[in-house]
């Protein structure tokens, strides 16, 4: 019988809201947070380009099971578009492919008119070849760096709100509230085309992801400062406790779902993969709805426990994604 491989890292569950710095990939930022927490498992919820900064929710442990919900969430960004210069990647990290003078006749009123006409509501956009979308299993940006061009089909996205924040002759500041899958660089590229001079993303900062906002996030430097220099081994436990206080609960990614509390019998059925009825619930939920499930505390000393997410199927609560406790692993 083969020897069981030892699991590395600790079973820590929760969501850390990182203010990603510029100049590193989302995966590099993820690995830094994972190492600080010594987490067994981690994943992010929607990559930001190396150029971009801002809110990058990082799910640790069992919270990774609900990261898809954040991937599907609406996002809010602020961006600066540099007019008169086009790059191959449509951002400041790319190679310049065209330069044109910026017409002096451009006005804020003209920009606002274009935003309303072309970038409001449901629109079609062609993702950049430097996006993380995949073609035959390969990310487009890897193909683009090899000089390989493939056909990228337009896709529908929704711009809930787009606002002109400032116009400074050859720079435009925008705030964009949009659906998943929206590429800000495509908006900037297309806006530059309509203005007749081209444009690229000079700065991109993500403010919101779903219900998470920039007021909640923390930088890597602020996180690292929570760890004393030359900390002794005897201090590790107390350091981990302080770090864990910075995490949102594992269910934070699905906090917008209704919460249902189950009794002990219902909880046992759910944890064994069986569905339960809604009869004991004060409110009945429609077919296809998703809800958070919590188990009643077995005693005064215990806390209400998060079980996972269920879907309403034929008026019953069918377990969809359940979490494991450290004892289960």
Protein backbone atom coordinates (compact mmCIF):
# COMPACT_ATOMS: atom_id res chain seq x y z
CA UNK A 1 0.00 0.00 0.00
CA UNK A 2 1.42 3.41 -1.00
CA UNK A 3 2.31 5.98 1.60
CA UNK A 4 -0.22 8.80 1.92
CA UNK A 5 1.24 12.13 0.86
CA UNK A 6 1.44 14.67 3.65
CA UNK A 7 -0.81 17.68 3.13
CA UNK A 8 1.04 20.98 3.13
CA UNK A 9 -0.32 24.10 4.78
CA UNK A 10 -3.10 24.56 7.27
CA UNK A 11 -6.87 24.33 6.82
CA UNK A 12 -7.80 28.00 7.03
CA UNK A 13 -11.11 29.09 5.50
CA UNK A 14 -12.19 32.59 4.53
CA UNK A 15 -11.94 35.46 2.06
CA UNK A 16 -9.15 38.03 2.07
CA UNK A 17 -9.80 41.25 0.15
CA UNK A 18 -6.49 42.27 -1.39
CA UNK A 19 -5.65 45.62 -2.93
CA UNK A 20 -3.50 44.17 -5.69
CA UNK A 21 -0.43 46.26 -6.52
CA UNK A 22 0.57 47.08 -10.07
CA UNK A 23 3.36 45.17 -11.77
CA UNK A 24 2.52 41.64 -10.65
CA UNK A 25 0.07 39.04 -11.91
CA UNK A 26 -3.02 38.06 -9.95
CA UNK A 27 -1.56 34.60 -9.47
CA UNK A 28 1.65 36.03 -7.99
CA UNK A 29 -0.43 38.14 -5.59
CA UNK A 30 -2.47 35.06 -4.69
CA UNK A 31 0.65 33.01 -3.89
CA UNK A 32 2.00 35.78 -1.64
CA UNK A 33 -1.21 35.83 0.41
CA UNK A 34 -1.32 32.04 0.48
CA UNK A 35 2.24 31.85 1.85
CA UNK A 36 1.54 34.45 4.53
CA UNK A 37 -1.48 32.45 5.70
CA UNK A 38 0.25 29.10 5.14
CA UNK A 39 -3.04 28.08 3.53
CA UNK A 40 -3.52 24.58 2.19
CA UNK A 41 -5.76 25.77 -0.63
CA UNK A 42 -6.34 29.17 -2.27
CA UNK A 43 -7.84 30.74 -5.38
CA UNK A 44 -8.68 34.21 -6.69
CA UNK A 45 -11.96 35.39 -8.16
CA UNK A 46 -11.26 37.02 -11.49
CA UNK A 47 -7.79 38.00 -12.65
CA UNK A 48 -6.52 41.56 -12.90
CA UNK A 49 -3.83 42.34 -15.47
CA UNK A 50 -0.33 43.10 -14.09
CA UNK A 51 -0.94 46.79 -14.94
CA UNK A 52 -4.17 46.87 -12.93
CA UNK A 53 -4.60 47.50 -9.22
CA UNK A 54 -7.45 47.17 -6.78
CA UNK A 55 -9.86 44.70 -5.31
CA UNK A 56 -8.87 41.05 -5.76
CA UNK A 57 -10.87 38.75 -3.45
CA UNK A 58 -8.74 35.74 -2.50
CA UNK A 59 -10.55 32.67 -1.26
CA UNK A 60 -8.77 30.37 1.17
CA UNK A 61 -9.68 26.79 1.99
CA UNK A 62 -13.37 25.93 1.72
CA UNK A 63 -14.19 29.46 0.51
CA UNK A 64 -12.71 28.45 -2.88
CA UNK A 65 -15.85 26.38 -3.45
CA UNK A 66 -17.85 29.59 -3.82
CA UNK A 67 -15.40 31.64 -5.89
CA UNK A 68 -17.44 31.09 -9.07
CA UNK A 69 -20.19 33.24 -7.59
CA UNK A 70 -17.75 36.15 -7.41
CA UNK A 71 -16.48 35.44 -10.93
CA UNK A 72 -20.09 35.86 -12.09
CA UNK A 73 -20.61 39.10 -10.11
CA UNK A 74 -20.78 42.64 -11.40
CA UNK A 75 -17.59 44.74 -11.12
CA UNK A 76 -16.82 48.46 -10.79
CA UNK A 77 -13.64 50.08 -12.16
CA UNK A 78 -12.02 53.45 -12.63
CA UNK A 79 -9.68 53.84 -15.58
CA UNK A 80 -7.59 56.45 -17.36
CA UNK A 81 -7.56 56.33 -21.15
CA UNK A 82 -4.54 57.84 -22.91
CA UNK A 83 -5.61 59.34 -26.24
CA UNK A 84 -3.51 59.47 -29.41
CA UNK A 85 -1.58 56.23 -28.83
CA UNK A 86 -2.66 52.68 -29.65
CA UNK A 87 -0.79 49.64 -28.34
CA UNK A 88 -0.97 45.99 -29.34
CA UNK A 89 -2.38 45.02 -25.92
CA UNK A 90 -4.60 48.13 -25.61
CA UNK A 91 -2.83 49.06 -22.36
CA UNK A 92 0.37 50.79 -21.27
CA UNK A 93 2.29 47.50 -21.02
CA UNK A 94 2.00 46.87 -24.76
CA UNK A 95 4.05 47.94 -27.77
CA UNK A 96 2.98 51.13 -29.53
CA UNK A 97 1.42 50.30 -32.90
CA UNK A 98 0.03 53.70 -33.91
CA UNK A 99 0.21 57.35 -32.89
CA UNK A 100 -2.13 60.11 -34.01
CA UNK A 101 -2.66 63.71 -32.96
CA UNK A 102 -5.56 64.23 -30.58
CA UNK A 103 -8.14 66.53 -32.21
CA UNK A 104 -8.44 69.81 -30.33
CA UNK A 105 -12.15 69.77 -31.11
CA UNK A 106 -12.88 66.91 -28.70
CA UNK A 107 -15.15 68.04 -25.87
CA UNK A 108 -16.53 66.46 -22.71
CA UNK A 109 -20.00 66.71 -24.25
CA UNK A 110 -18.84 64.67 -27.26
CA UNK A 111 -17.32 62.00 -25.00
CA UNK A 112 -20.50 61.79 -22.91
CA UNK A 113 -22.56 61.44 -26.07
CA UNK A 114 -20.38 58.53 -27.26
CA UNK A 115 -20.57 56.83 -23.88
CA UNK A 116 -24.37 56.97 -23.94
CA UNK A 117 -24.65 55.86 -27.57
CA UNK A 118 -22.08 53.06 -27.69
CA UNK A 119 -21.26 51.97 -24.14
CA UNK A 120 -24.51 51.85 -22.20
CA UNK A 121 -26.73 48.84 -21.51
CA UNK A 122 -26.15 45.56 -23.35
CA UNK A 123 -23.36 45.89 -25.88
CA UNK A 124 -21.14 43.64 -27.98
CA UNK A 125 -17.37 43.83 -27.64
CA UNK A 126 -14.47 41.90 -29.08
CA UNK A 127 -12.09 40.78 -26.29
CA UNK A 128 -8.44 41.68 -26.71
CA UNK A 129 -5.95 39.08 -27.94
CA UNK A 130 -4.12 39.86 -24.70
CA UNK A 131 -7.02 38.66 -22.54
CA UNK A 132 -7.07 35.47 -20.46
CA UNK A 133 -9.78 33.91 -22.62
CA UNK A 134 -8.77 30.53 -23.97
CA UNK A 135 -8.57 29.20 -27.54
CA UNK A 136 -8.18 25.41 -27.75
CA UNK A 137 -7.04 25.40 -24.14
CA UNK A 138 -4.43 28.15 -24.58
CA UNK A 139 -4.87 31.66 -23.06
CA UNK A 140 -5.12 34.26 -25.81
CA UNK A 141 -2.36 36.39 -24.28
CA UNK A 142 0.11 33.50 -24.63
CA UNK A 143 -0.80 33.12 -28.31
CA UNK A 144 -0.52 36.89 -28.82
CA UNK A 145 2.99 36.96 -27.31
CA UNK A 146 4.00 34.29 -29.83
CA UNK A 147 2.60 36.40 -32.66
CA UNK A 148 -0.26 33.96 -33.27
CA UNK A 149 -3.56 35.59 -34.23
CA UNK A 150 -6.89 33.76 -33.95
CA UNK A 151 -10.46 34.87 -34.56
CA UNK A 152 -12.04 36.24 -31.40
CA UNK A 153 -15.80 36.38 -31.57
CA UNK A 154 -17.79 39.31 -30.15
CA UNK A 155 -19.56 38.69 -26.87
CA UNK A 156 -22.44 40.43 -25.16
CA UNK A 157 -21.82 42.24 -21.88
CA UNK A 158 -23.84 44.76 -19.89
CA UNK A 159 -22.66 48.21 -18.90
CA UNK A 160 -24.90 49.20 -15.98
CA UNK A 161 -23.32 52.64 -15.66
CA UNK A 162 -20.44 54.51 -17.27
CA UNK A 163 -19.44 58.01 -16.16
CA UNK A 164 -16.94 60.56 -17.39
CA UNK A 165 -14.98 61.67 -14.33
CA UNK A 166 -12.46 64.00 -15.98
CA UNK A 167 -11.16 65.07 -19.41
CA UNK A 168 -7.67 66.57 -19.65
CA UNK A 169 -7.02 67.06 -23.37
CA UNK A 170 -5.29 63.75 -24.05
CA UNK A 171 -6.53 61.76 -21.04
CA UNK A 172 -10.00 60.61 -20.03
CA UNK A 173 -10.97 59.26 -16.60
CA UNK A 174 -13.96 56.92 -16.55
CA UNK A 175 -15.90 54.97 -13.94
CA UNK A 176 -17.47 51.75 -15.25
CA UNK A 177 -19.99 49.51 -13.49
CA UNK A 178 -20.38 46.39 -15.60
CA UNK A 179 -21.27 42.71 -15.83
CA UNK A 180 -18.82 39.82 -15.73
CA UNK A 181 -16.71 39.34 -18.84
CA UNK A 182 -16.44 43.07 -19.64
CA UNK A 183 -13.03 44.19 -20.91
CA UNK A 184 -12.27 47.79 -19.97
CA UNK A 185 -9.39 47.87 -22.47
CA UNK A 186 -11.90 47.08 -25.25
CA UNK A 187 -14.09 50.00 -24.15
CA UNK A 188 -11.08 52.33 -24.18
CA UNK A 189 -9.86 51.00 -27.54
CA UNK A 190 -13.31 51.47 -29.11
CA UNK A 191 -13.74 54.93 -27.58
CA UNK A 192 -10.39 55.99 -29.06
CA UNK A 193 -11.58 54.71 -32.44
CA UNK A 194 -14.79 56.77 -32.26
CA UNK A 195 -12.76 59.86 -31.31
CA UNK A 196 -10.53 59.31 -34.35
CA UNK A 197 -7.20 59.21 -32.54
CA UNK A 198 -6.94 55.82 -30.84
CA UNK A 199 -6.42 55.20 -27.12
CA UNK A 200 -5.07 52.73 -24.60
CA UNK A 201 -5.52 52.04 -20.88
CA UNK A 202 -2.99 54.01 -18.87
CA UNK A 203 -4.42 53.10 -15.45
CA UNK A 204 -7.01 50.57 -14.25
CA UNK A 205 -8.23 50.16 -10.69
CA UNK A 206 -11.01 47.82 -9.54
CA UNK A 207 -13.26 49.23 -6.84
CA UNK A 208 -16.00 46.63 -6.32
CA UNK A 209 -16.59 42.92 -6.87
CA UNK A 210 -20.19 41.96 -6.14
CA UNK A 211 -20.98 43.17 -2.63
CA UNK A 212 -17.27 43.65 -1.77
CA UNK A 213 -16.00 47.24 -1.91
CA UNK A 214 -12.62 48.94 -1.91
CA UNK A 215 -13.15 50.23 1.65
CA UNK A 216 -12.68 46.65 2.89
CA UNK A 217 -9.43 45.77 1.10
CA UNK A 218 -5.85 45.70 2.39
CA UNK A 219 -2.47 45.94 0.66
CA UNK A 220 0.23 43.27 0.77
CA UNK A 221 2.42 45.65 2.76
CA UNK A 222 -0.31 46.14 5.38
CA UNK A 223 -0.78 42.37 5.62
CA UNK A 224 2.95 41.71 5.94
CA UNK A 225 3.17 44.26 8.75
CA UNK A 226 0.93 42.00 10.83
CA UNK A 227 3.84 39.55 11.05
CA UNK A 228 6.58 40.69 13.50
CA UNK A 229 10.17 40.50 12.27
CA UNK A 230 12.16 37.57 13.65
CA UNK A 231 9.01 36.06 15.15
CA UNK A 232 9.74 33.01 17.30
CA UNK A 233 8.06 29.68 16.74
CA UNK A 234 6.16 30.09 20.00
CA UNK A 235 4.49 33.19 18.53
CA UNK A 236 3.18 31.47 15.39
CA UNK A 237 -0.16 30.46 16.87
CA UNK A 238 -1.00 33.95 18.09
CA UNK A 239 0.12 35.45 14.74
CA UNK A 240 -2.16 33.06 12.87
CA UNK A 241 -5.08 34.01 15.11
CA UNK A 242 -4.53 37.71 14.36
CA UNK A 243 -4.22 37.04 10.62
CA UNK A 244 -7.40 34.96 10.61
CA UNK A 245 -9.30 37.87 12.16
CA UNK A 246 -8.72 39.74 8.88
CA UNK A 247 -10.65 37.13 6.90
CA UNK A 248 -14.29 37.33 5.94
CA UNK A 249 -16.20 34.06 6.55
CA UNK A 250 -16.16 31.30 3.92
CA UNK A 251 -19.74 32.16 2.98
CA UNK A 252 -18.97 35.84 2.35
CA UNK A 253 -18.83 35.21 -1.41
CA UNK A 254 -22.49 34.12 -1.36
CA UNK A 255 -23.73 36.57 1.26
CA UNK A 256 -26.37 37.88 -1.15
CA UNK A 257 -28.14 34.49 -1.06
CA UNK A 258 -30.96 33.98 1.45
CA UNK A 259 -29.94 32.14 4.62
CA UNK A 260 -31.82 29.12 5.99
CA UNK A 261 -31.25 27.56 9.39
CA UNK A 262 -31.73 23.79 9.62
CA UNK A 263 -32.40 21.61 12.63
CA UNK A 264 -30.06 18.75 13.52
CA UNK A 265 -32.02 16.11 11.58
CA UNK A 266 -32.18 18.24 8.42
CA UNK A 267 -28.49 19.10 8.74
CA UNK A 268 -27.55 15.42 8.93
CA UNK A 269 -29.59 14.65 5.80
CA UNK A 270 -27.98 17.53 3.88
CA UNK A 271 -24.48 16.48 4.93
CA UNK A 272 -25.23 12.99 3.60
CA UNK A 273 -26.21 14.44 0.21
CA UNK A 274 -29.98 14.17 0.68
CA UNK A 275 -32.52 16.90 0.04
CA UNK A 276 -34.88 18.26 2.68
CA UNK A 277 -38.26 19.93 2.48
CA UNK A 278 -38.96 23.61 2.97
CA UNK A 279 -42.01 22.96 5.18
CA UNK A 280 -40.33 24.17 8.37
CA UNK A 281 -39.09 27.40 6.78
CA UNK A 282 -40.94 30.70 7.32
CA UNK A 283 -40.44 31.61 3.66
CA UNK A 284 -40.66 29.35 0.61
CA UNK A 285 -38.20 29.90 -2.25
CA UNK A 286 -38.86 29.58 -5.97
CA UNK A 287 -37.64 26.75 -8.19
CA UNK A 288 -33.95 27.17 -9.08
CA UNK A 289 -33.18 29.59 -6.24
CA UNK A 290 -29.90 29.17 -4.35
CA UNK A 291 -29.76 29.51 -0.57
CA UNK A 292 -27.12 29.36 2.18
CA UNK A 293 -27.58 26.61 4.74
CA UNK A 294 -26.67 26.86 8.43
CA UNK A 295 -26.95 24.19 11.12
CA UNK A 296 -28.49 24.99 14.48
CA UNK A 297 -26.03 25.08 17.35
CA UNK A 298 -26.12 21.75 19.20
CA UNK A 299 -25.41 23.49 22.52
CA UNK A 300 -24.98 26.96 24.01
CA UNK A 301 -21.21 26.58 23.71
CA UNK A 302 -21.34 25.90 19.95
CA UNK A 303 -21.92 28.42 17.17
CA UNK A 304 -24.31 28.19 14.25
CA UNK A 305 -22.35 26.34 11.54
CA UNK A 306 -22.29 27.10 7.81
CA UNK A 307 -22.98 23.96 5.78
CA UNK A 308 -22.88 25.21 2.20
CA UNK A 309 -25.24 26.12 -0.62
CA UNK A 310 -28.42 24.35 -1.75
CA UNK A 311 -30.65 24.72 -4.79
CA UNK A 312 -34.43 24.61 -4.68
CA UNK A 313 -35.46 21.61 -6.80
CA UNK A 314 -39.11 20.54 -6.87
CA UNK A 315 -39.75 22.62 -3.75
CA UNK A 316 -36.99 20.86 -1.81
CA UNK A 317 -33.53 22.00 -0.74
CA UNK A 318 -30.99 19.96 -2.68
CA UNK A 319 -27.34 20.28 -1.53
CA UNK A 320 -25.29 21.87 -4.27
CA UNK A 321 -21.91 22.63 -2.69
CA UNK A 322 -21.05 21.71 0.88
CA UNK A 323 -18.02 22.61 2.95
CA UNK A 324 -15.79 20.30 4.93
CA UNK A 325 -14.63 21.08 8.44
CA UNK A 326 -11.01 20.49 9.47
CA UNK A 327 -12.21 17.34 11.23
CA UNK A 328 -13.63 16.02 7.96
CA UNK A 329 -10.34 16.40 6.08
